Amino acid sequence: MLTLKNKYQHVMSVVQLASVNGTVASHLRTHDSMILLLNASILIYLCTHL
């Protein structure tokens, strides 16, 4: 089981990754469906790994 500090750091790293992916996606001008899929996969990852 992750400690609270480790969980916080884990969430921060995932959020940072999400923002990087969002920046890349906006630069590539990908379709909205791709961005929605990315966000959904991040949410699923958070739900299953925390």
PDB file of N, CA and C in Angstrom:
ATOM      1  N   MET A   1       0.848  -1.201   0.000  1.00  0.00           N
ATOM      2  CA  MET A   1       0.000   0.000   0.000  1.00  0.00           C
ATOM      3  C   MET A   1       0.882   1.249   0.000  1.00  0.00           C
ATOM      4  N   LEU A   2       0.543   2.186  -0.828  1.00  0.00           N
ATOM      5  CA  LEU A   2       1.313   3.423  -0.893  1.00  0.00           C
ATOM      6  C   LEU A   2       1.031   4.304   0.315  1.00  0.00           C
ATOM      7  N   THR A   3       2.089   4.945   0.817  1.00  0.00           N
ATOM      8  CA  THR A   3       1.876   5.933   1.870  1.00  0.00           C
ATOM      9  C   THR A   3       1.259   7.177   1.254  1.00  0.00           C
ATOM     10  N   LEU A   4       0.759   8.066   2.089  1.00  0.00           N
ATOM     11  CA  LEU A   4       0.099   9.275   1.593  1.00  0.00           C
ATOM     12  C   LEU A   4       1.065  10.130   0.779  1.00  0.00           C
ATOM     13  N   LYS A   5       2.314  10.245   1.258  1.00  0.00           N
ATOM     14  CA  LYS A   5       3.313  11.044   0.544  1.00  0.00           C
ATOM     15  C   LYS A   5       3.621  10.434  -0.821  1.00  0.00           C
ATOM     16  N   ASN A   6       3.811   9.127  -0.849  1.00  0.00           N
ATOM     17  CA  ASN A   6       4.086   8.453  -2.118  1.00  0.00           C
ATOM     18  C   ASN A   6       2.911   8.579  -3.077  1.00  0.00           C
ATOM     19  N   LYS A   7       1.707   8.476  -2.535  1.00  0.00           N
ATOM     20  CA  LYS A   7       0.503   8.603  -3.357  1.00  0.00           C
ATOM     21  C   LYS A   7       0.416  10.009  -3.945  1.00  0.00           C
ATOM     22  N   TYR A   8       0.729  11.020  -3.125  1.00  0.00           N
ATOM     23  CA  TYR A   8       0.708  12.406  -3.590  1.00  0.00           C
ATOM     24  C   TYR A   8       1.723  12.607  -4.710  1.00  0.00           C
ATOM     25  N   GLN A   9       2.945  12.102  -4.505  1.00  0.00           N
ATOM     26  CA  GLN A   9       3.984  12.239  -5.526  1.00  0.00           C
ATOM     27  C   GLN A   9       3.585  11.514  -6.806  1.00  0.00           C
ATOM     28  N   HIS A  10       2.942  10.358  -6.649  1.00  0.00           N
ATOM     29  CA  HIS A  10       2.485   9.578  -7.795  1.00  0.00           C
ATOM     30  C   HIS A  10       1.433  10.354  -8.583  1.00  0.00           C
ATOM     31  N   VAL A  11       0.478  10.933  -7.873  1.00  0.00           N
ATOM     32  CA  VAL A  11      -0.559  11.737  -8.523  1.00  0.00           C
ATOM     33  C   VAL A  11       0.061  12.925  -9.239  1.00  0.00           C
ATOM     34  N   MET A  12       1.025  13.590  -8.589  1.00  0.00           N
ATOM     35  CA  MET A  12       1.679  14.741  -9.203  1.00  0.00           C
ATOM     36  C   MET A  12       2.402  14.340 -10.487  1.00  0.00           C
ATOM     37  N   SER A  13       3.079  13.195 -10.474  1.00  0.00           N
ATOM     38  CA  SER A  13       3.787  12.753 -11.674  1.00  0.00           C
ATOM     39  C   SER A  13       2.811  12.426 -12.798  1.00  0.00           C
ATOM     40  N   VAL A  14       1.672  11.821 -12.441  1.00  0.00           N
ATOM     41  CA  VAL A  14       0.653  11.513 -13.450  1.00  0.00           C
ATOM     42  C   VAL A  14       0.042  12.797 -14.001  1.00  0.00           C
ATOM     43  N   VAL A  15      -0.213  13.760 -13.114  1.00  0.00           N
ATOM     44  CA  VAL A  15      -0.765  15.050 -13.549  1.00  0.00           C
ATOM     45  C   VAL A  15       0.222  15.764 -14.463  1.00  0.00           C
ATOM     46  N   GLN A  16       1.516  15.711 -14.093  1.00  0.00           N
ATOM     47  CA  GLN A  16       2.550  16.329 -14.920  1.00  0.00           C
ATOM     48  C   GLN A  16       2.592  15.665 -16.294  1.00  0.00           C
ATOM     49  N   LEU A  17       2.519  14.342 -16.307  1.00  0.00           N
ATOM     50  CA  LEU A  17       2.496  13.593 -17.557  1.00  0.00           C
ATOM     51  C   LEU A  17       1.279  13.974 -18.394  1.00  0.00           C
ATOM     52  N   ALA A  18       0.140  14.114 -17.730  1.00  0.00           N
ATOM     53  CA  ALA A  18      -1.090  14.483 -18.424  1.00  0.00           C
ATOM     54  C   ALA A  18      -0.965  15.867 -19.057  1.00  0.00           C
ATOM     55  N   SER A  19      -0.355  16.811 -18.332  1.00  0.00           N
ATOM     56  CA  SER A  19      -0.210  18.162 -18.870  1.00  0.00           C
ATOM     57  C   SER A  19       0.764  18.176 -20.043  1.00  0.00           C
ATOM     58  N   VAL A  20       1.825  17.369 -19.959  1.00  0.00           N
ATOM     59  CA  VAL A  20       2.763  17.246 -21.078  1.00  0.00           C
ATOM     60  C   VAL A  20       2.053  16.662 -22.290  1.00  0.00           C
ATOM     61  N   ASN A  21       1.277  15.599 -22.073  1.00  0.00           N
ATOM     62  CA  ASN A  21       0.525  14.985 -23.165  1.00  0.00           C
ATOM     63  C   ASN A  21      -0.483  15.963 -23.753  1.00  0.00           C
ATOM     64  N   GLY A  22      -1.105  16.763 -22.902  1.00  0.00           N
ATOM     65  CA  GLY A  22      -2.054  17.761 -23.369  1.00  0.00           C
ATOM     66  C   GLY A  22      -1.383  18.811 -24.233  1.00  0.00           C
ATOM     67  N   THR A  23      -0.171  19.223 -23.827  1.00  0.00           N
ATOM     68  CA  THR A  23       0.594  20.204 -24.590  1.00  0.00           C
ATOM     69  C   THR A  23       0.984  19.641 -25.949  1.00  0.00           C
ATOM     70  N   VAL A  24       1.469  18.410 -25.947  1.00  0.00           N
ATOM     71  CA  VAL A  24       1.839  17.748 -27.200  1.00  0.00           C
ATOM     72  C   VAL A  24       0.623  17.615 -28.109  1.00  0.00           C
ATOM     73  N   ALA A  25      -0.506  17.216 -27.515  1.00  0.00           N
ATOM     74  CA  ALA A  25      -1.731  17.037 -28.293  1.00  0.00           C
ATOM     75  C   ALA A  25      -2.179  18.349 -28.927  1.00  0.00           C
ATOM     76  N   SER A  26      -2.075  19.443 -28.166  1.00  0.00           N
ATOM     77  CA  SER A  26      -2.504  20.732 -28.708  1.00  0.00           C
ATOM     78  C   SER A  26      -1.559  21.197 -29.817  1.00  0.00           C
ATOM     79  N   HIS A  27      -0.262  20.897 -29.674  1.00  0.00           N
ATOM     80  CA  HIS A  27       0.686  21.266 -30.719  1.00  0.00           C
ATOM     81  C   HIS A  27       0.449  20.457 -31.993  1.00  0.00           C
ATOM     82  N   LEU A  28       0.080  19.208 -31.807  1.00  0.00           N
ATOM     83  CA  LEU A  28      -0.184  18.359 -32.964  1.00  0.00           C
ATOM     84  C   LEU A  28      -1.572  18.596 -33.545  1.00  0.00           C
ATOM     85  N   ARG A  29      -2.390  19.355 -32.817  1.00  0.00           N
ATOM     86  CA  ARG A  29      -3.766  19.641 -33.237  1.00  0.00           C
ATOM     87  C   ARG A  29      -4.542  18.347 -33.509  1.00  0.00           C
ATOM     88  N   THR A  30      -4.442  17.420 -32.571  1.00  0.00           N
ATOM     89  CA  THR A  30      -5.146  16.151 -32.720  1.00  0.00           C
ATOM     90  C   THR A  30      -6.634  16.361 -32.537  1.00  0.00           C
ATOM     91  N   HIS A  31      -7.401  15.364 -32.920  1.00  0.00           N
ATOM     92  CA  HIS A  31      -8.848  15.435 -32.804  1.00  0.00           C
ATOM     93  C   HIS A  31      -9.277  15.409 -31.345  1.00  0.00           C
ATOM     94  N   ASP A  32     -10.413  16.015 -31.060  1.00  0.00           N
ATOM     95  CA  ASP A  32     -10.948  16.052 -29.697  1.00  0.00           C
ATOM     96  C   ASP A  32     -11.160  14.651 -29.143  1.00  0.00           C
ATOM     97  N   SER A  33     -11.536  13.722 -29.999  1.00  0.00           N
ATOM     98  CA  SER A  33     -11.775  12.349 -29.544  1.00  0.00           C
ATOM     99  C   SER A  33     -10.499  11.716 -29.007  1.00  0.00           C
ATOM    100  N   MET A  34      -9.367  12.038 -29.626  1.00  0.00           N
ATOM    101  CA  MET A  34      -8.091  11.517 -29.145  1.00  0.00           C
ATOM    102  C   MET A  34      -7.762  12.073 -27.770  1.00  0.00           C
ATOM    103  N   ILE A  35      -8.024  13.367 -27.562  1.00  0.00           N
ATOM    104  CA  ILE A  35      -7.761  13.998 -26.271  1.00  0.00           C
ATOM    105  C   ILE A  35      -8.686  13.422 -25.204  1.00  0.00           C
ATOM    106  N   LEU A  36      -9.951  13.208 -25.564  1.00  0.00           N
ATOM    107  CA  LEU A  36     -10.890  12.586 -24.631  1.00  0.00           C
ATOM    108  C   LEU A  36     -10.440  11.179 -24.263  1.00  0.00           C
ATOM    109  N   LEU A  37      -9.957  10.444 -25.250  1.00  0.00           N
ATOM    110  CA  LEU A  37      -9.463   9.092 -25.009  1.00  0.00           C
ATOM    111  C   LEU A  37      -8.263   9.118 -24.073  1.00  0.00           C
ATOM    112  N   LEU A  38      -7.366  10.075 -24.281  1.00  0.00           N
ATOM    113  CA  LEU A  38      -6.196  10.238 -23.420  1.00  0.00           C
ATOM    114  C   LEU A  38      -6.614  10.529 -21.990  1.00  0.00           C
ATOM    115  N   ASN A  39      -7.533  11.475 -21.829  1.00  0.00           N
ATOM    116  CA  ASN A  39      -8.015  11.817 -20.488  1.00  0.00           C
ATOM    117  C   ASN A  39      -8.693  10.633 -19.822  1.00  0.00           C
ATOM    118  N   ALA A  40      -9.470   9.885 -20.584  1.00  0.00           N
ATOM    119  CA  ALA A  40     -10.150   8.712 -20.042  1.00  0.00           C
ATOM    120  C   ALA A  40      -9.147   7.660 -19.593  1.00  0.00           C
ATOM    121  N   SER A  41      -8.101   7.453 -20.389  1.00  0.00           N
ATOM    122  CA  SER A  41      -7.098   6.450 -20.028  1.00  0.00           C
ATOM    123  C   SER A  41      -6.333   6.865 -18.778  1.00  0.00           C
ATOM    124  N   ILE A  42      -6.079   8.172 -18.624  1.00  0.00           N
ATOM    125  CA  ILE A  42      -5.416   8.672 -17.417  1.00  0.00           C
ATOM    126  C   ILE A  42      -6.306   8.457 -16.198  1.00  0.00           C
ATOM    127  N   LEU A  43      -7.601   8.745 -16.339  1.00  0.00           N
ATOM    128  CA  LEU A  43      -8.538   8.530 -15.230  1.00  0.00           C
ATOM    129  C   LEU A  43      -8.612   7.058 -14.842  1.00  0.00           C
ATOM    130  N   ILE A  44      -8.661   6.189 -15.845  1.00  0.00           N
ATOM    131  CA  ILE A  44      -8.696   4.748 -15.575  1.00  0.00           C
ATOM    132  C   ILE A  44      -7.420   4.323 -14.862  1.00  0.00           C
ATOM    133  N   TYR A  45      -6.281   4.849 -15.323  1.00  0.00           N
ATOM    134  CA  TYR A  45      -4.996   4.537 -14.685  1.00  0.00           C
ATOM    135  C   TYR A  45      -5.010   4.963 -13.224  1.00  0.00           C
ATOM    136  N   LEU A  46      -5.481   6.178 -12.952  1.00  0.00           N
ATOM    137  CA  LEU A  46      -5.546   6.677 -11.573  1.00  0.00           C
ATOM    138  C   LEU A  46      -6.436   5.794 -10.710  1.00  0.00           C
ATOM    139  N   CYS A  47      -7.593   5.424 -11.245  1.00  0.00           N
ATOM    140  CA  CYS A  47      -8.540   4.614 -10.473  1.00  0.00           C
ATOM    141  C   CYS A  47      -7.987   3.235 -10.157  1.00  0.00           C
ATOM    142  N   THR A  48      -7.221   2.675 -11.064  1.00  0.00           N
ATOM    143  CA  THR A  48      -6.738   1.310 -10.870  1.00  0.00           C
ATOM    144  C   THR A  48      -5.420   1.247 -10.106  1.00  0.00           C
ATOM    145  N   HIS A  49      -4.650   2.329 -10.081  1.00  0.00           N
ATOM    146  CA  HIS A  49      -3.326   2.288  -9.458  1.00  0.00           C
ATOM    147  C   HIS A  49      -3.229   2.982  -8.109  1.00  0.00           C
ATOM    148  N   LEU A  50      -4.300   3.652  -7.662  1.00  0.00           N
ATOM    149  CA  LEU A  50      -4.208   4.343  -6.367  1.00  0.00           C
ATOM    150  C   LEU A  50      -4.883   3.542  -5.263  1.00  0.00           C
TER     151      LEU A  50
END
